[in-house]
Amino acid sequence: MRGGLIAALDVGSTKVCCFLARVQEDGSPRIVGIGHQLARGMRLGAVVDMEELEHSIRASVDAAEDMAGERARAVVVNISGGAPASTNVKVEVAMNGHAVNEADIRRMLDHGRAHHHTADRELIHAIPVDYTIDGTEGIKDPRGMYGDRLGVAIHVVSAAIGPVRNLTTVVHRCHLDIEARVISPYAAGLACLVDDERELGVTCIDMGGGTTSIAVFVGGQLVHTDVIPVGGHHVTNDIARGLSTPVSYAERMKTLFGSGMPSAADDREMLKVPLVGEDEDGASNQVPRSMLIQIIQPRIEETLELVRSHLEHSGFDKMAGRRVVLTGGASQMQGARDLASMVLDKQVRLGRPVGFHGLPEATNGPAFSSCAGLIRYALAHQPVAKTGRKGGSDEEGSGWGRFGQWLKRNF
């Protein structure tokens, strides 16, 4: 079990959040520092202004460091831009009758890597899902076993090189090394899913400000990920346009009065809406709450229908079973859960970080799932001490490098 400080940096389209944690004696993480800031310079999960984003990251990391009374040197950071895509690769190697050893596993890894290396995409994760020996499936640990052919199913997640490198550059400009990179929905799932859900099959839907991302877990492993470039910010823009009100006021109305499902009292409740370009005391409209909900509902419905069609297209819709866990800031809207249950035709619950000590109520909601999940990922995957080099080599920071370290520890 690793010691020392773990730093998680969740760079989203609407907020940047930093958690600092220490490992307790029982192995569970205790959050000792928290900082979060409005994200500037990000759009739909990708960097659009490096300088603005650098200020946002520095401010949130500084706040977390001040609270913890310690300095962070390396962070685990999330990836939501660059159109992350996932494929499952099957690799088989001949064993010639000898017992499986680490070299065999490394050989399979190299096969898979050569098979899936493209110049325009960067590897984020390579997760071994299932081992086979001579066609026998479901082997968790093949080391020491005998057979003629050893196979492994590897779940490979990659993202476009440009957006990933832009984010990496901004983090380095804040004088922080990158210890690991984790795809956003994977992190969210690690924070708020329980073991049984991951084992039996579950879809985690992380509804953020700029993107909605999907992670499917089966048999305890991540088997599919996808990111849709639509999020809560699109709902805010729809309200601002539909009611001709400033964006900041549209956000406030969405948070205070918004709902994904209409109710009988909506027509009677009147809302005061200031018009864009007018002073605060200037012209304003009175609109029924039902009008606000008529703007919100179709957009959330459309987002969930996109999720459904992506799942159906990927073939993981049935495999993931009937459980859905909604998380992320945009999932907190009243009625979102009922609407998701209706559109996806599954059992839906709202997910929040579980099993973390020291998380105050204000940062224990669905909006902070990704950040908490990064801490959990670091606990499970990174027991190595930092050498103080800048982010290590690409090899070390990549999914393949981490998968290699995982193999070394487990085999």
Protein backbone atom coordinates (compact mmCIF):
# COMPACT_ATOMS: atom_id res chain seq x y z
CA MET A 1 0.00 0.00 0.00
CA ARG A 2 1.31 3.38 -0.97
CA GLY A 3 2.00 6.11 1.56
CA GLY A 4 2.38 9.87 1.07
CA LEU A 5 0.02 12.43 -0.35
CA ILE A 6 -2.28 11.64 -3.29
CA ALA A 7 -3.39 14.58 -5.43
CA ALA A 8 -6.35 14.39 -7.83
CA LEU A 9 -7.08 17.08 -10.41
CA ASP A 10 -10.46 17.01 -12.15
CA VAL A 11 -10.38 19.47 -15.06
CA GLY A 12 -13.94 19.80 -16.32
CA SER A 13 -15.72 22.13 -18.75
CA THR A 14 -17.41 24.11 -15.96
CA LYS A 15 -15.22 23.57 -12.88
CA VAL A 16 -11.69 22.60 -11.90
CA CYS A 17 -11.45 20.61 -8.68
CA CYS A 18 -8.47 19.38 -6.66
CA PHE A 19 -8.57 16.82 -3.81
CA LEU A 20 -5.57 15.95 -1.67
CA ALA A 21 -5.78 12.69 0.30
CA ARG A 22 -3.76 10.61 2.74
CA VAL A 23 -4.02 6.84 3.10
CA GLN A 24 -5.24 5.72 6.52
CA GLU A 25 -4.09 2.59 8.30
CA ASP A 26 -7.08 0.59 7.07
CA GLY A 27 -6.16 1.55 3.49
CA SER A 28 -9.06 3.95 2.97
CA PRO A 29 -8.40 7.51 1.77
CA ARG A 30 -8.93 10.56 3.98
CA ILE A 31 -9.43 13.84 2.12
CA VAL A 32 -7.19 16.49 3.71
CA GLY A 33 -7.39 19.29 1.13
CA ILE A 34 -10.11 20.53 -1.23
CA GLY A 35 -10.07 23.33 -3.78
CA HIS A 36 -12.50 24.08 -6.60
CA GLN A 37 -12.77 26.90 -9.07
CA LEU A 38 -14.85 27.94 -12.07
CA ALA A 39 -13.17 26.45 -15.15
CA ARG A 40 -12.05 29.07 -17.62
CA GLY A 41 -10.40 28.13 -20.89
CA MET A 42 -12.23 24.79 -21.31
CA ARG A 43 -14.99 23.91 -23.77
CA LEU A 44 -16.62 20.50 -24.29
CA GLY A 45 -13.79 18.82 -22.34
CA ALA A 46 -11.02 20.38 -24.47
CA VAL A 47 -8.60 23.26 -23.76
CA VAL A 48 -9.47 26.44 -25.67
CA ASP A 49 -7.39 28.99 -23.69
CA MET A 50 -4.21 27.74 -21.99
CA GLU A 51 -3.58 30.86 -19.92
CA GLU A 52 -7.11 31.05 -18.50
CA LEU A 53 -7.08 27.34 -17.65
CA GLU A 54 -3.67 27.62 -15.99
CA HIS A 55 -5.09 30.30 -13.64
CA SER A 56 -8.09 28.07 -12.79
CA ILE A 57 -5.88 25.04 -12.06
CA ARG A 58 -3.39 27.03 -9.97
CA ALA A 59 -6.21 28.58 -7.91
CA SER A 60 -7.88 25.24 -7.10
CA VAL A 61 -4.58 23.45 -6.34
CA ASP A 62 -3.42 26.36 -4.13
CA ALA A 63 -6.69 26.25 -2.16
CA ALA A 64 -6.36 22.47 -1.60
CA GLU A 65 -2.67 22.83 -0.59
CA ASP A 66 -3.47 25.63 1.88
CA MET A 67 -6.19 23.51 3.49
CA ALA A 68 -3.90 20.45 3.73
CA GLY A 69 -0.83 22.46 4.75
CA GLU A 70 1.20 20.47 2.21
CA ARG A 71 2.46 20.83 -1.34
CA ALA A 72 1.45 18.49 -4.17
CA ARG A 73 4.14 17.51 -6.68
CA ALA A 74 2.30 15.09 -8.94
CA VAL A 75 -1.39 14.76 -9.78
CA VAL A 76 -3.71 12.12 -11.22
CA VAL A 77 -5.67 13.98 -13.89
CA ASN A 78 -8.88 13.15 -15.79
CA ILE A 79 -9.34 13.09 -19.58
CA SER A 80 -12.72 13.98 -21.09
CA GLY A 81 -11.66 15.70 -24.35
CA GLY A 82 -10.19 14.26 -27.52
CA ALA A 83 -13.23 12.08 -28.30
CA PRO A 84 -12.12 9.10 -26.15
CA ALA A 85 -12.95 5.78 -27.76
CA SER A 86 -12.65 2.23 -26.51
CA THR A 87 -12.04 -1.09 -28.21
CA ASN A 88 -11.60 -4.60 -26.89
CA VAL A 89 -8.56 -6.41 -28.30
CA LYS A 90 -8.01 -10.16 -28.05
CA VAL A 91 -4.39 -11.39 -28.13
CA GLU A 92 -3.16 -15.00 -28.09
CA VAL A 93 0.39 -16.36 -27.84
CA ALA A 94 1.73 -19.92 -28.06
CA MET A 95 2.91 -21.36 -24.75
CA ASN A 96 4.68 -24.52 -26.04
CA GLY A 97 3.52 -26.38 -22.94
CA HIS A 98 5.47 -24.42 -20.31
CA ALA A 99 4.01 -22.60 -17.30
CA VAL A 100 2.81 -19.02 -17.84
CA ASN A 101 5.37 -16.45 -16.70
CA GLU A 102 5.72 -12.70 -16.82
CA ALA A 103 7.61 -12.78 -20.14
CA ASP A 104 4.62 -14.45 -21.82
CA ILE A 105 2.29 -11.79 -20.53
CA ARG A 106 4.66 -9.05 -21.69
CA ARG A 107 4.81 -10.69 -25.12
CA MET A 108 1.01 -10.57 -25.38
CA LEU A 109 1.07 -6.96 -24.33
CA ASP A 110 3.54 -6.09 -27.10
CA HIS A 111 1.34 -7.90 -29.63
CA GLY A 112 -1.68 -5.88 -28.53
CA ARG A 113 0.29 -2.67 -28.53
CA ALA A 114 1.67 -3.16 -32.05
CA HIS A 115 -1.81 -4.01 -33.18
CA HIS A 116 -3.39 -0.83 -31.79
CA HIS A 117 -0.83 1.91 -32.17
CA THR A 118 -1.91 4.86 -34.36
CA ALA A 119 -0.06 8.12 -34.87
CA ASP A 120 -3.04 10.41 -34.18
CA ARG A 121 -4.30 8.81 -30.95
CA GLU A 122 -2.80 8.52 -27.50
CA LEU A 123 -3.29 5.46 -25.34
CA ILE A 124 -4.95 6.25 -22.00
CA HIS A 125 -5.80 2.79 -20.58
CA ALA A 126 -5.07 -0.83 -21.37
CA ILE A 127 -7.10 -2.92 -18.93
CA PRO A 128 -6.84 -6.74 -18.91
CA VAL A 129 -10.44 -7.93 -18.75
CA ASP A 130 -10.20 -11.72 -19.05
CA TYR A 131 -7.49 -14.37 -19.50
CA THR A 132 -7.94 -17.66 -21.37
CA ILE A 133 -5.78 -20.79 -21.52
CA ASP A 134 -6.57 -23.16 -24.41
CA GLY A 135 -10.00 -21.54 -24.70
CA THR A 136 -10.92 -21.83 -20.99
CA GLU A 137 -12.33 -18.41 -20.03
CA GLY A 138 -12.67 -16.52 -16.75
CA ILE A 139 -9.08 -17.01 -15.51
CA LYS A 140 -8.15 -14.18 -13.15
CA ASP A 141 -4.47 -15.04 -12.68
CA PRO A 142 -2.81 -17.27 -15.32
CA ARG A 143 0.63 -17.25 -13.70
CA GLY A 144 2.03 -20.75 -13.19
CA MET A 145 -0.71 -22.42 -15.26
CA TYR A 146 0.06 -24.80 -18.13
CA GLY A 147 -1.37 -24.87 -21.63
CA ASP A 148 -0.65 -24.48 -25.33
CA ARG A 149 -2.22 -21.07 -25.95
CA LEU A 150 -2.53 -18.12 -23.56
CA GLY A 151 -5.00 -15.39 -24.46
CA VAL A 152 -6.08 -12.08 -22.94
CA ALA A 153 -8.90 -9.65 -23.70
CA ILE A 154 -7.57 -6.11 -23.25
CA HIS A 155 -9.86 -3.08 -23.07
CA VAL A 156 -7.99 -0.26 -24.79
CA VAL A 157 -9.06 3.38 -24.33
CA SER A 158 -7.47 6.05 -26.52
CA ALA A 159 -8.03 9.76 -27.21
CA ALA A 160 -6.93 12.23 -29.88
CA ILE A 161 -3.34 13.31 -29.28
CA GLY A 162 -3.89 17.11 -29.60
CA PRO A 163 -6.41 17.69 -26.77
CA VAL A 164 -4.55 15.28 -24.43
CA ARG A 165 -1.20 17.03 -25.02
CA ASN A 166 -2.77 20.48 -24.58
CA LEU A 167 -4.11 19.50 -21.16
CA THR A 168 -0.76 17.89 -20.23
CA THR A 169 1.07 21.09 -21.21
CA VAL A 170 -1.19 23.28 -19.04
CA VAL A 171 -0.74 20.98 -16.02
CA HIS A 172 3.05 21.06 -16.48
CA ARG A 173 2.92 24.86 -16.71
CA CYS A 174 1.45 24.79 -13.19
CA HIS A 175 4.69 23.00 -12.06
CA LEU A 176 2.90 19.70 -11.51
CA ASP A 177 3.94 16.26 -12.75
CA ILE A 178 1.27 13.91 -14.09
CA GLU A 179 1.27 10.64 -12.20
CA ALA A 180 -1.54 9.03 -14.22
CA ARG A 181 -4.33 9.94 -16.61
CA VAL A 182 -7.80 8.49 -16.16
CA ILE A 183 -10.80 8.70 -18.44
CA SER A 184 -13.56 10.72 -16.66
CA PRO A 185 -16.40 8.14 -16.60
CA TYR A 186 -13.98 5.45 -15.31
CA ALA A 187 -13.03 7.73 -12.41
CA ALA A 188 -16.70 8.55 -11.69
CA GLY A 189 -17.53 4.82 -11.65
CA LEU A 190 -14.68 4.03 -9.27
CA ALA A 191 -16.01 6.65 -6.83
CA CYS A 192 -19.68 5.81 -6.70
CA LEU A 193 -20.29 2.21 -7.77
CA VAL A 194 -20.41 -0.61 -5.23
CA ASP A 195 -18.56 -3.90 -5.88
CA ASP A 196 -21.72 -5.88 -6.63
CA GLU A 197 -22.80 -3.39 -9.27
CA ARG A 198 -19.44 -3.56 -11.02
CA GLU A 199 -19.52 -7.35 -10.87
CA LEU A 200 -23.10 -7.89 -12.10
CA GLY A 201 -23.08 -5.18 -14.79
CA VAL A 202 -23.83 -1.48 -14.56
CA THR A 203 -23.69 1.65 -16.71
CA CYS A 204 -22.29 4.77 -15.06
CA ILE A 205 -23.41 7.99 -16.79
CA ASP A 206 -21.40 11.05 -15.80
CA MET A 207 -23.38 14.18 -16.74
CA GLY A 208 -20.91 17.06 -16.70
CA GLY A 209 -21.09 20.66 -17.84
CA GLY A 210 -19.68 20.18 -21.35
CA THR A 211 -19.79 16.42 -21.88
CA THR A 212 -21.85 13.39 -20.90
CA SER A 213 -19.69 10.29 -20.57
CA ILE A 214 -20.52 6.61 -20.26
CA ALA A 215 -18.66 3.75 -18.56
CA VAL A 216 -19.89 0.15 -18.65
CA PHE A 217 -18.61 -2.24 -15.98
CA VAL A 218 -19.09 -6.02 -16.15
CA GLY A 219 -17.34 -8.71 -14.12
CA GLY A 220 -15.66 -6.07 -11.97
CA GLN A 221 -13.87 -4.50 -14.96
CA LEU A 222 -14.39 -1.49 -17.22
CA VAL A 223 -15.40 -2.92 -20.62
CA HIS A 224 -16.66 0.10 -22.58
CA THR A 225 -16.39 3.91 -22.50
CA ASP A 226 -17.83 6.68 -24.63
CA VAL A 227 -18.12 10.48 -24.44
CA ILE A 228 -20.93 12.60 -25.91
CA PRO A 229 -20.14 16.34 -26.32
CA VAL A 230 -23.40 17.53 -24.71
CA GLY A 231 -23.82 18.55 -21.06
CA GLY A 232 -25.46 20.83 -18.52
CA HIS A 233 -24.01 23.96 -20.13
CA HIS A 234 -26.11 23.30 -23.24
CA VAL A 235 -29.26 23.39 -21.07
CA THR A 236 -28.14 26.76 -19.64
CA ASN A 237 -27.59 28.16 -23.16
CA ASP A 238 -31.02 26.92 -24.26
CA ILE A 239 -32.63 28.77 -21.33
CA ALA A 240 -30.63 31.96 -22.04
CA ARG A 241 -31.71 31.92 -25.70
CA GLY A 242 -35.29 30.82 -25.11
CA LEU A 243 -36.00 33.45 -22.43
CA SER A 244 -33.58 36.19 -23.71
CA THR A 245 -31.89 36.33 -20.31
CA PRO A 246 -28.18 36.58 -19.37
CA VAL A 247 -26.30 33.25 -19.18
CA SER A 248 -25.51 33.74 -15.47
CA TYR A 249 -29.20 34.20 -14.70
CA ALA A 250 -30.14 31.22 -16.88
CA GLU A 251 -27.74 29.05 -14.84
CA ARG A 252 -29.33 30.31 -11.62
CA MET A 253 -32.86 29.59 -12.86
CA LYS A 254 -31.84 26.12 -13.98
CA THR A 255 -30.35 25.36 -10.55
CA LEU A 256 -33.17 26.83 -8.45
CA PHE A 257 -36.32 26.16 -10.48
CA GLY A 258 -35.31 23.70 -13.22
CA SER A 259 -36.70 20.19 -13.56
CA GLY A 260 -36.58 17.40 -16.10
CA MET A 261 -40.20 16.44 -15.42
CA PRO A 262 -43.28 18.72 -15.49
CA SER A 263 -45.70 18.92 -12.55
CA ALA A 264 -49.27 20.17 -12.17
CA ALA A 265 -48.30 23.33 -10.25
CA ASP A 266 -45.84 24.62 -12.90
CA ASP A 267 -48.35 26.88 -14.68
CA ARG A 268 -49.26 28.70 -11.45
CA GLU A 269 -45.66 29.46 -10.36
CA MET A 270 -44.43 32.67 -12.00
CA LEU A 271 -40.72 33.49 -12.38
CA LYS A 272 -39.19 36.92 -12.88
CA VAL A 273 -36.74 36.87 -15.81
CA PRO A 274 -34.44 39.89 -16.38
CA LEU A 275 -33.81 40.56 -20.08
CA VAL A 276 -30.34 40.39 -21.60
CA GLY A 277 -28.67 43.80 -21.98
CA GLU A 278 -30.95 45.52 -19.42
CA ASP A 279 -29.93 46.77 -15.95
CA GLU A 280 -30.87 44.62 -12.97
CA ASP A 281 -33.71 47.01 -12.16
CA GLY A 282 -34.64 47.36 -15.85
CA ALA A 283 -37.13 45.50 -18.00
CA SER A 284 -37.96 41.94 -17.03
CA ASN A 285 -40.50 39.32 -18.02
CA GLN A 286 -42.81 37.19 -15.92
CA VAL A 287 -42.95 33.63 -17.21
CA PRO A 288 -44.59 30.52 -15.78
CA ARG A 289 -42.23 27.81 -14.51
CA SER A 290 -43.79 25.44 -17.05
CA MET A 291 -42.12 27.48 -19.83
CA LEU A 292 -38.69 26.92 -18.22
CA ILE A 293 -39.35 23.17 -17.98
CA GLN A 294 -40.48 23.05 -21.62
CA ILE A 295 -37.00 24.32 -22.54
CA ILE A 296 -35.07 22.01 -20.18
CA GLN A 297 -36.88 18.71 -20.70
CA PRO A 298 -36.26 18.22 -24.47
CA ARG A 299 -32.50 18.88 -24.10
CA ILE A 300 -32.03 16.38 -21.24
CA GLU A 301 -34.23 13.89 -23.08
CA GLU A 302 -32.12 14.32 -26.23
CA THR A 303 -28.89 13.78 -24.22
CA LEU A 304 -30.24 10.57 -22.67
CA GLU A 305 -31.48 9.35 -26.07
CA LEU A 306 -27.94 9.88 -27.42
CA VAL A 307 -26.62 7.81 -24.50
CA ARG A 308 -29.13 5.08 -25.30
CA SER A 309 -28.28 4.98 -29.01
CA HIS A 310 -24.51 4.96 -28.27
CA LEU A 311 -25.00 2.02 -25.90
CA GLU A 312 -27.15 0.13 -28.42
CA HIS A 313 -24.68 0.80 -31.22
CA SER A 314 -21.75 -0.44 -29.10
CA GLY A 315 -23.56 -3.68 -28.26
CA PHE A 316 -23.04 -3.20 -24.50
CA ASP A 317 -26.63 -2.15 -23.80
CA LYS A 318 -27.85 -5.66 -22.89
CA MET A 319 -24.54 -6.83 -21.38
CA ALA A 320 -24.60 -3.98 -18.85
CA GLY A 321 -27.86 -5.24 -17.33
CA ARG A 322 -30.62 -3.03 -15.96
CA ARG A 323 -28.63 -0.90 -13.52
CA VAL A 324 -27.73 2.71 -14.29
CA VAL A 325 -25.95 5.09 -11.93
CA LEU A 326 -26.25 8.79 -12.79
CA THR A 327 -23.56 11.12 -11.51
CA GLY A 328 -21.91 14.45 -12.36
CA GLY A 329 -23.16 17.99 -11.68
CA ALA A 330 -25.95 17.96 -14.30
CA SER A 331 -27.48 14.78 -12.80
CA GLN A 332 -28.50 16.74 -9.69
CA MET A 333 -31.37 18.47 -11.46
CA GLN A 334 -34.79 17.62 -10.12
CA GLY A 335 -36.47 14.96 -12.28
CA ALA A 336 -33.27 13.89 -14.09
CA ARG A 337 -33.37 10.45 -12.49
CA ASP A 338 -37.04 9.83 -13.42
CA LEU A 339 -36.43 11.02 -16.98
CA ALA A 340 -33.37 8.73 -17.30
CA SER A 341 -35.39 5.79 -16.01
CA MET A 342 -38.06 6.49 -18.63
CA VAL A 343 -35.75 7.07 -21.63
CA LEU A 344 -33.27 4.26 -20.89
CA ASP A 345 -35.87 1.83 -19.51
CA LYS A 346 -33.54 0.78 -16.67
CA GLN A 347 -33.33 1.08 -12.87
CA VAL A 348 -31.60 4.38 -12.13
CA ARG A 349 -30.02 5.67 -8.94
CA LEU A 350 -28.07 8.86 -8.23
CA GLY A 351 -24.41 8.19 -7.47
CA ARG A 352 -22.15 10.07 -5.07
CA PRO A 353 -18.65 9.29 -3.74
CA VAL A 354 -18.71 6.41 -1.22
CA GLY A 355 -16.07 5.30 1.28
CA PHE A 356 -14.15 8.57 1.60
CA HIS A 357 -13.35 10.08 5.00
CA GLY A 358 -13.09 13.83 5.49
CA LEU A 359 -15.37 14.82 2.59
CA PRO A 360 -17.65 17.64 3.80
CA GLU A 361 -21.31 17.64 2.74
CA ALA A 362 -20.72 20.44 0.18
CA THR A 363 -18.25 18.34 -1.82
CA ASN A 364 -19.84 14.93 -1.28
CA GLY A 365 -22.33 15.18 -4.14
CA PRO A 366 -22.47 13.78 -7.68
CA ALA A 367 -20.56 16.82 -9.04
CA PHE A 368 -17.39 15.62 -7.24
CA SER A 369 -17.52 11.93 -8.24
CA SER A 370 -14.78 12.16 -10.89
CA CYS A 371 -12.35 13.90 -8.54
CA ALA A 372 -12.94 11.36 -5.76
CA GLY A 373 -12.57 8.50 -8.26
CA LEU A 374 -9.13 9.79 -9.30
CA ILE A 375 -8.00 9.34 -5.67
CA ARG A 376 -9.31 5.77 -5.70
CA TYR A 377 -7.56 5.04 -9.00
CA ALA A 378 -4.25 6.34 -7.59
CA LEU A 379 -4.68 4.10 -4.53
CA ALA A 380 -5.19 0.99 -6.66
CA HIS A 381 -2.73 1.64 -9.47
CA GLN A 382 0.16 3.78 -8.32
CA PRO A 383 2.10 2.47 -5.30
CA VAL A 384 5.38 3.62 -6.91
CA ALA A 385 7.34 6.50 -5.37
CA LYS A 386 7.84 9.47 -7.65
CA THR A 387 11.38 10.01 -8.90
CA GLY A 388 10.90 13.73 -9.23
CA ARG A 389 11.27 13.61 -13.02
CA LYS A 390 8.82 15.66 -15.05
CA GLY A 391 5.86 13.34 -15.42
CA GLY A 392 8.05 10.34 -16.21
CA SER A 393 8.32 9.10 -19.76
CA ASP A 394 5.27 8.77 -22.03
CA GLU A 395 5.71 5.04 -21.57
CA GLU A 396 5.31 5.34 -17.81
CA GLY A 397 2.34 7.72 -17.98
CA SER A 398 0.56 5.75 -20.67
CA GLY A 399 -1.97 2.99 -20.08
CA TRP A 400 0.46 0.39 -21.40
CA GLY A 401 3.19 1.52 -18.96
CA ARG A 402 0.77 1.34 -16.05
CA PHE A 403 -0.57 -2.00 -17.24
CA GLY A 404 3.05 -3.24 -17.27
CA GLN A 405 3.52 -2.03 -13.68
CA TRP A 406 0.24 -3.71 -12.71
CA LEU A 407 1.47 -6.98 -14.23
CA LYS A 408 4.81 -6.73 -12.42
CA ARG A 409 3.03 -6.28 -9.09
CA ASN A 410 0.49 -9.04 -9.68
CA PHE A 411 2.63 -11.62 -11.42
